[in-house]
Amino acid sequence: MHRHIWQMNLLSARELAQFSRDRGLSLSSEEDIIHLWQLGLLKADLIISRGKLLRVGLVDQGIDDYGHHVYSDERQLRQRPKGWANSEKTLRPLQTSVELLFHPFRYYVLYCLNRASELHTLCASGLDGKIS
């Protein structure tokens, strides 16, 4: 199984975090990347697992040369009628046998989430509409 798309290597969660940090984003820890993936806000381009995964939206793409299961991420974003607050608290640690791989272009999703987070913080602090 190739770990590159469009002549670019896919990045692990740690590498995508570093890539984002190098470009000034605050959502830039490996844990942030994994949590965003678990919440469905960030899709992985490839998921490799030593064991079979049974998760809605992960599509089995077969077995690689090393006997690992390979999945594509075709999950749909879940509706959260109660909002996103505290949703991270319900997450379990990612299994160590699961490797998430991301195309560097996923940085743009992180950029947009980072921007939305900054705007939310600005509005929550009471500064919205008061900037001259």
N, C-alpha and C. Protein backbone atom coordinates (compact mmCIF):
# COMPACT_ATOMS: atom_id res chain seq x y z
N MET A 1 0.86 -1.18 0.00
CA MET A 1 0.00 0.00 0.00
C MET A 1 0.90 1.23 0.00
N HIS A 2 0.63 2.13 -0.89
CA HIS A 2 1.43 3.35 -0.99
C HIS A 2 1.00 4.34 0.08
N ARG A 3 1.98 5.02 0.65
CA ARG A 3 1.70 6.01 1.68
C ARG A 3 1.94 7.41 1.15
N HIS A 4 1.59 7.63 -0.11
CA HIS A 4 1.67 8.97 -0.67
C HIS A 4 0.56 9.15 -1.69
N ILE A 5 0.15 10.39 -1.82
CA ILE A 5 -0.89 10.77 -2.78
C ILE A 5 -0.40 12.04 -3.46
N TRP A 6 -0.53 12.08 -4.74
CA TRP A 6 -0.14 13.27 -5.50
C TRP A 6 1.29 13.69 -5.19
N GLN A 7 2.19 12.72 -5.18
CA GLN A 7 3.61 12.96 -4.95
C GLN A 7 3.93 13.54 -3.56
N MET A 8 3.03 13.43 -2.63
CA MET A 8 3.27 13.93 -1.27
C MET A 8 3.08 12.76 -0.30
N ASN A 9 3.99 12.64 0.65
CA ASN A 9 3.86 11.60 1.67
C ASN A 9 2.70 11.91 2.60
N LEU A 10 1.99 10.87 2.99
CA LEU A 10 0.96 11.03 4.01
C LEU A 10 1.64 11.23 5.36
N LEU A 11 1.00 11.98 6.22
CA LEU A 11 1.56 12.33 7.52
C LEU A 11 0.82 11.62 8.64
N SER A 12 1.57 11.18 9.65
CA SER A 12 0.94 10.64 10.86
C SER A 12 0.29 11.81 11.61
N ALA A 13 -0.48 11.50 12.65
CA ALA A 13 -1.09 12.56 13.46
C ALA A 13 -0.01 13.46 14.05
N ARG A 14 1.06 12.87 14.51
CA ARG A 14 2.17 13.66 15.09
C ARG A 14 2.80 14.56 14.03
N GLU A 15 3.01 14.03 12.82
CA GLU A 15 3.62 14.83 11.75
C GLU A 15 2.69 15.93 11.26
N LEU A 16 1.38 15.65 11.19
CA LEU A 16 0.43 16.70 10.80
C LEU A 16 0.39 17.79 11.85
N ALA A 17 0.48 17.40 13.12
CA ALA A 17 0.52 18.39 14.20
C ALA A 17 1.75 19.29 14.05
N GLN A 18 2.90 18.70 13.78
CA GLN A 18 4.13 19.48 13.60
C GLN A 18 4.02 20.39 12.38
N PHE A 19 3.49 19.85 11.28
CA PHE A 19 3.28 20.60 10.04
C PHE A 19 2.42 21.84 10.33
N SER A 20 1.36 21.64 11.13
CA SER A 20 0.44 22.74 11.47
C SER A 20 1.09 23.73 12.42
N ARG A 21 1.81 23.21 13.39
CA ARG A 21 2.50 24.07 14.35
C ARG A 21 3.53 24.95 13.63
N ASP A 22 4.23 24.37 12.66
CA ASP A 22 5.22 25.13 11.88
C ASP A 22 4.58 26.28 11.12
N ARG A 23 3.27 26.19 10.90
CA ARG A 23 2.54 27.23 10.17
C ARG A 23 1.68 28.08 11.08
N GLY A 24 1.90 27.97 12.41
CA GLY A 24 1.30 28.88 13.36
C GLY A 24 -0.07 28.53 13.91
N LEU A 25 -0.53 27.31 13.74
CA LEU A 25 -1.85 26.96 14.26
C LEU A 25 -1.78 26.53 15.72
N SER A 26 -2.81 26.90 16.47
CA SER A 26 -2.85 26.49 17.87
C SER A 26 -3.40 25.08 18.05
N LEU A 27 -4.21 24.60 17.10
CA LEU A 27 -4.69 23.21 17.13
C LEU A 27 -3.57 22.35 16.56
N SER A 28 -2.56 22.10 17.34
CA SER A 28 -1.39 21.51 16.71
C SER A 28 -0.67 20.46 17.54
N SER A 29 -1.40 19.79 18.43
CA SER A 29 -0.77 18.67 19.12
C SER A 29 -1.27 17.37 18.50
N GLU A 30 -0.51 16.31 18.69
CA GLU A 30 -0.93 15.01 18.17
C GLU A 30 -2.29 14.64 18.77
N GLU A 31 -2.47 14.93 20.04
CA GLU A 31 -3.73 14.64 20.71
C GLU A 31 -4.89 15.42 20.08
N ASP A 32 -4.66 16.70 19.73
CA ASP A 32 -5.69 17.49 19.04
C ASP A 32 -6.11 16.82 17.74
N ILE A 33 -5.13 16.39 16.96
CA ILE A 33 -5.41 15.78 15.66
C ILE A 33 -6.23 14.51 15.86
N ILE A 34 -5.83 13.67 16.79
CA ILE A 34 -6.55 12.42 17.04
C ILE A 34 -7.96 12.71 17.53
N HIS A 35 -8.12 13.66 18.44
CA HIS A 35 -9.46 14.00 18.94
C HIS A 35 -10.35 14.54 17.83
N LEU A 36 -9.81 15.40 16.98
CA LEU A 36 -10.61 15.93 15.86
C LEU A 36 -11.03 14.80 14.93
N TRP A 37 -10.15 13.82 14.72
CA TRP A 37 -10.51 12.67 13.90
C TRP A 37 -11.60 11.85 14.59
N GLN A 38 -11.44 11.59 15.88
CA GLN A 38 -12.43 10.81 16.60
C GLN A 38 -13.80 11.48 16.60
N LEU A 39 -13.82 12.80 16.65
CA LEU A 39 -15.09 13.54 16.61
C LEU A 39 -15.68 13.62 15.21
N GLY A 40 -14.89 13.27 14.21
CA GLY A 40 -15.37 13.32 12.82
C GLY A 40 -15.16 14.67 12.16
N LEU A 41 -14.46 15.58 12.83
CA LEU A 41 -14.22 16.91 12.26
C LEU A 41 -13.04 16.90 11.29
N LEU A 42 -12.23 15.87 11.34
CA LEU A 42 -11.08 15.73 10.45
C LEU A 42 -11.06 14.30 9.95
N LYS A 43 -11.02 14.14 8.64
CA LYS A 43 -10.96 12.79 8.07
C LYS A 43 -9.52 12.39 7.80
N ALA A 44 -9.24 11.12 8.01
CA ALA A 44 -7.93 10.58 7.66
C ALA A 44 -7.99 10.14 6.19
N ASP A 45 -6.87 10.18 5.54
CA ASP A 45 -6.83 9.73 4.15
C ASP A 45 -6.55 8.24 4.05
N LEU A 46 -6.00 7.69 5.10
CA LEU A 46 -5.73 6.25 5.16
C LEU A 46 -5.67 5.86 6.63
N ILE A 47 -6.24 4.72 6.95
CA ILE A 47 -6.20 4.19 8.31
C ILE A 47 -5.66 2.78 8.22
N ILE A 48 -4.63 2.52 8.99
CA ILE A 48 -3.99 1.21 8.98
C ILE A 48 -4.11 0.63 10.38
N SER A 49 -4.52 -0.63 10.45
CA SER A 49 -4.73 -1.27 11.75
C SER A 49 -4.22 -2.71 11.72
N ARG A 50 -3.64 -3.12 12.83
CA ARG A 50 -3.20 -4.52 12.94
C ARG A 50 -4.40 -5.45 13.05
N GLY A 51 -5.51 -4.95 13.56
CA GLY A 51 -6.72 -5.75 13.70
C GLY A 51 -7.86 -5.17 12.88
N LYS A 52 -8.91 -5.95 12.73
CA LYS A 52 -10.07 -5.49 11.98
C LYS A 52 -10.82 -4.43 12.79
N LEU A 53 -11.23 -3.37 12.13
CA LEU A 53 -11.99 -2.29 12.78
C LEU A 53 -13.45 -2.37 12.35
N LEU A 54 -14.33 -2.18 13.29
CA LEU A 54 -15.77 -2.14 13.00
C LEU A 54 -16.28 -0.78 13.43
N ARG A 55 -16.17 0.19 12.54
CA ARG A 55 -16.60 1.54 12.83
C ARG A 55 -17.37 2.06 11.62
N VAL A 56 -18.55 2.59 11.85
CA VAL A 56 -19.38 3.10 10.76
C VAL A 56 -18.61 4.15 9.97
N GLY A 57 -18.56 3.98 8.65
CA GLY A 57 -17.91 4.94 7.77
C GLY A 57 -16.48 4.62 7.42
N LEU A 58 -15.88 3.65 8.09
CA LEU A 58 -14.54 3.20 7.70
C LEU A 58 -14.73 2.05 6.72
N VAL A 59 -14.22 2.23 5.51
CA VAL A 59 -14.43 1.26 4.45
C VAL A 59 -13.18 0.41 4.27
N ASP A 60 -13.35 -0.89 4.41
CA ASP A 60 -12.25 -1.85 4.30
C ASP A 60 -11.71 -1.84 2.87
N GLN A 61 -10.42 -1.56 2.75
CA GLN A 61 -9.77 -1.54 1.43
C GLN A 61 -8.83 -2.73 1.24
N GLY A 62 -8.89 -3.68 2.17
CA GLY A 62 -8.09 -4.89 2.04
C GLY A 62 -6.96 -4.95 3.05
N ILE A 63 -6.02 -5.81 2.73
CA ILE A 63 -4.86 -6.08 3.59
C ILE A 63 -3.62 -5.63 2.84
N ASP A 64 -2.70 -4.95 3.55
CA ASP A 64 -1.46 -4.51 2.89
C ASP A 64 -0.41 -5.63 2.90
N ASP A 65 0.75 -5.36 2.37
CA ASP A 65 1.82 -6.35 2.27
C ASP A 65 2.31 -6.85 3.62
N TYR A 66 2.00 -6.13 4.69
CA TYR A 66 2.45 -6.51 6.03
C TYR A 66 1.35 -7.20 6.84
N GLY A 67 0.20 -7.44 6.21
CA GLY A 67 -0.90 -8.10 6.89
C GLY A 67 -1.77 -7.16 7.70
N HIS A 68 -1.59 -5.85 7.52
CA HIS A 68 -2.41 -4.86 8.23
C HIS A 68 -3.67 -4.56 7.44
N HIS A 69 -4.73 -4.30 8.16
CA HIS A 69 -6.00 -3.90 7.54
C HIS A 69 -5.90 -2.43 7.14
N VAL A 70 -6.40 -2.12 5.96
CA VAL A 70 -6.35 -0.76 5.43
C VAL A 70 -7.78 -0.27 5.21
N TYR A 71 -8.04 0.96 5.64
CA TYR A 71 -9.38 1.53 5.55
C TYR A 71 -9.33 2.93 4.95
N SER A 72 -10.40 3.27 4.24
CA SER A 72 -10.60 4.67 3.86
C SER A 72 -11.65 5.24 4.82
N ASP A 73 -11.58 6.54 5.00
CA ASP A 73 -12.44 7.24 5.96
C ASP A 73 -13.56 7.91 5.18
N GLU A 74 -14.74 7.31 5.23
CA GLU A 74 -15.90 7.86 4.51
C GLU A 74 -17.03 8.18 5.47
N ARG A 75 -16.63 8.54 6.70
CA ARG A 75 -17.63 8.87 7.72
C ARG A 75 -18.34 10.17 7.38
N GLN A 76 -19.57 10.26 7.82
CA GLN A 76 -20.34 11.49 7.72
C GLN A 76 -20.33 12.16 9.09
N LEU A 77 -20.28 13.47 9.10
CA LEU A 77 -20.27 14.21 10.36
C LEU A 77 -21.59 14.00 11.07
N ARG A 78 -21.51 13.56 12.31
CA ARG A 78 -22.72 13.33 13.12
C ARG A 78 -23.33 14.64 13.57
N GLN A 79 -24.64 14.66 13.60
CA GLN A 79 -25.36 15.80 14.17
C GLN A 79 -25.17 15.77 15.68
N ARG A 80 -24.98 16.91 16.27
CA ARG A 80 -24.86 17.00 17.73
C ARG A 80 -25.87 18.04 18.21
N PRO A 81 -27.12 17.60 18.45
CA PRO A 81 -28.17 18.54 18.85
C PRO A 81 -27.83 19.35 20.10
N LYS A 82 -27.01 18.78 20.99
CA LYS A 82 -26.63 19.50 22.22
C LYS A 82 -25.35 20.30 22.03
N GLY A 83 -24.83 20.34 20.80
CA GLY A 83 -23.63 21.11 20.52
C GLY A 83 -22.36 20.30 20.76
N TRP A 84 -21.24 20.97 20.55
CA TRP A 84 -19.94 20.32 20.64
C TRP A 84 -19.29 20.44 22.01
N ALA A 85 -19.87 21.26 22.87
CA ALA A 85 -19.27 21.46 24.20
C ALA A 85 -19.14 20.13 24.93
N ASN A 86 -17.98 19.90 25.48
CA ASN A 86 -17.69 18.70 26.26
C ASN A 86 -17.69 17.39 25.48
N SER A 87 -17.83 17.44 24.16
CA SER A 87 -17.86 16.21 23.37
C SER A 87 -16.53 15.46 23.45
N GLU A 88 -15.46 16.18 23.66
CA GLU A 88 -14.13 15.57 23.75
C GLU A 88 -14.01 14.68 25.00
N LYS A 89 -14.78 14.99 26.02
CA LYS A 89 -14.67 14.25 27.29
C LYS A 89 -15.15 12.80 27.17
N THR A 90 -15.93 12.50 26.15
CA THR A 90 -16.46 11.14 25.98
C THR A 90 -15.53 10.25 25.15
N LEU A 91 -14.43 10.80 24.65
CA LEU A 91 -13.55 10.04 23.77
C LEU A 91 -12.67 9.07 24.54
N ARG A 92 -12.45 7.91 23.94
CA ARG A 92 -11.52 6.92 24.50
C ARG A 92 -10.19 7.05 23.78
N PRO A 93 -9.11 6.63 24.41
CA PRO A 93 -7.81 6.69 23.72
C PRO A 93 -7.84 5.85 22.44
N LEU A 94 -7.15 6.34 21.42
CA LEU A 94 -7.04 5.59 20.17
C LEU A 94 -6.18 4.35 20.41
N GLN A 95 -6.61 3.24 19.88
CA GLN A 95 -5.85 2.00 20.03
C GLN A 95 -4.45 2.19 19.44
N THR A 96 -3.44 1.67 20.13
CA THR A 96 -2.07 1.82 19.65
C THR A 96 -1.83 1.06 18.36
N SER A 97 -2.70 0.12 18.03
CA SER A 97 -2.54 -0.66 16.80
C SER A 97 -3.14 0.04 15.58
N VAL A 98 -3.69 1.25 15.78
CA VAL A 98 -4.31 2.01 14.69
C VAL A 98 -3.42 3.19 14.33
N GLU A 99 -3.14 3.32 13.04
CA GLU A 99 -2.34 4.45 12.54
C GLU A 99 -3.20 5.28 11.60
N LEU A 100 -3.32 6.55 11.92
CA LEU A 100 -4.05 7.50 11.08
C LEU A 100 -3.04 8.21 10.19
N LEU A 101 -3.34 8.32 8.90
CA LEU A 101 -2.46 9.01 7.97
C LEU A 101 -3.26 10.09 7.24
N PHE A 102 -2.65 11.26 7.12
CA PHE A 102 -3.32 12.43 6.56
C PHE A 102 -2.50 13.03 5.43
N HIS A 103 -3.20 13.48 4.39
CA HIS A 103 -2.54 14.24 3.34
C HIS A 103 -2.23 15.63 3.92
N PRO A 104 -1.09 16.22 3.57
CA PRO A 104 -0.77 17.55 4.10
C PRO A 104 -1.85 18.60 3.82
N PHE A 105 -2.66 18.41 2.80
CA PHE A 105 -3.72 19.37 2.50
C PHE A 105 -4.78 19.41 3.61
N ARG A 106 -4.80 18.42 4.50
CA ARG A 106 -5.74 18.44 5.64
C ARG A 106 -5.43 19.63 6.55
N TYR A 107 -4.28 20.22 6.37
CA TYR A 107 -3.91 21.44 7.10
C TYR A 107 -5.00 22.49 6.93
N TYR A 108 -5.59 22.57 5.75
CA TYR A 108 -6.61 23.59 5.50
C TYR A 108 -7.82 23.40 6.42
N VAL A 109 -8.21 22.16 6.67
CA VAL A 109 -9.32 21.89 7.61
C VAL A 109 -8.93 22.39 9.00
N LEU A 110 -7.70 22.10 9.40
CA LEU A 110 -7.23 22.56 10.71
C LEU A 110 -7.19 24.08 10.77
N TYR A 111 -6.77 24.70 9.67
CA TYR A 111 -6.74 26.17 9.60
C TYR A 111 -8.15 26.73 9.81
N CYS A 112 -9.14 26.16 9.13
CA CYS A 112 -10.53 26.63 9.27
C CYS A 112 -11.07 26.41 10.67
N LEU A 113 -10.77 25.24 11.26
CA LEU A 113 -11.21 24.98 12.63
C LEU A 113 -10.53 25.93 13.62
N ASN A 114 -9.26 26.19 13.39
CA ASN A 114 -8.51 27.12 14.24
C ASN A 114 -9.12 28.52 14.15
N ARG A 115 -9.43 28.92 12.95
CA ARG A 115 -10.03 30.25 12.71
C ARG A 115 -11.39 30.36 13.40
N ALA A 116 -12.21 29.31 13.25
CA ALA A 116 -13.53 29.31 13.89
C ALA A 116 -13.39 29.36 15.40
N SER A 117 -12.41 28.67 15.94
CA SER A 117 -12.15 28.67 17.38
C SER A 117 -11.75 30.07 17.85
N GLU A 118 -10.89 30.72 17.09
CA GLU A 118 -10.48 32.09 17.45
C GLU A 118 -11.65 33.05 17.40
N LEU A 119 -12.52 32.92 16.39
CA LEU A 119 -13.69 33.80 16.29
C LEU A 119 -14.65 33.55 17.44
N HIS A 120 -14.82 32.27 17.80
CA HIS A 120 -15.70 31.94 18.93
C HIS A 120 -15.17 32.56 20.22
N THR A 121 -13.87 32.48 20.41
CA THR A 121 -13.24 33.06 21.60
C THR A 121 -13.43 34.57 21.62
N LEU A 122 -13.27 35.18 20.46
CA LEU A 122 -13.45 36.62 20.35
C LEU A 122 -14.88 37.02 20.69
N CYS A 123 -15.84 36.30 20.14
CA CYS A 123 -17.25 36.60 20.41
C CYS A 123 -17.60 36.34 21.87
N ALA A 124 -17.07 35.26 22.43
CA ALA A 124 -17.37 34.91 23.83
C ALA A 124 -16.80 35.94 24.80
N SER A 125 -15.75 36.63 24.38
CA SER A 125 -15.14 37.63 25.27
C SER A 125 -15.87 38.97 25.18
N GLY A 126 -16.90 39.06 24.37
CA GLY A 126 -17.69 40.27 24.30
C GLY A 126 -17.13 41.32 23.37
N LEU A 127 -16.19 40.94 22.52
CA LEU A 127 -15.58 41.92 21.63
C LEU A 127 -16.23 41.97 20.26
N ASP A 128 -17.17 41.05 19.99
CA ASP A 128 -17.77 41.05 18.67
C ASP A 128 -18.55 42.34 18.43
N GLY A 129 -18.32 42.92 17.31
CA GLY A 129 -18.99 44.17 16.93
C GLY A 129 -18.43 45.40 17.57
N LYS A 130 -17.40 45.26 18.43
CA LYS A 130 -16.85 46.41 19.13
C LYS A 130 -15.43 46.72 18.67
N ILE A 131 -14.99 46.06 17.60
CA ILE A 131 -13.63 46.31 17.10
C ILE A 131 -13.68 47.44 16.10
N SER A 132 -12.82 48.45 16.29
CA SER A 132 -12.81 49.57 15.34
C SER A 132 -11.66 49.44 14.39
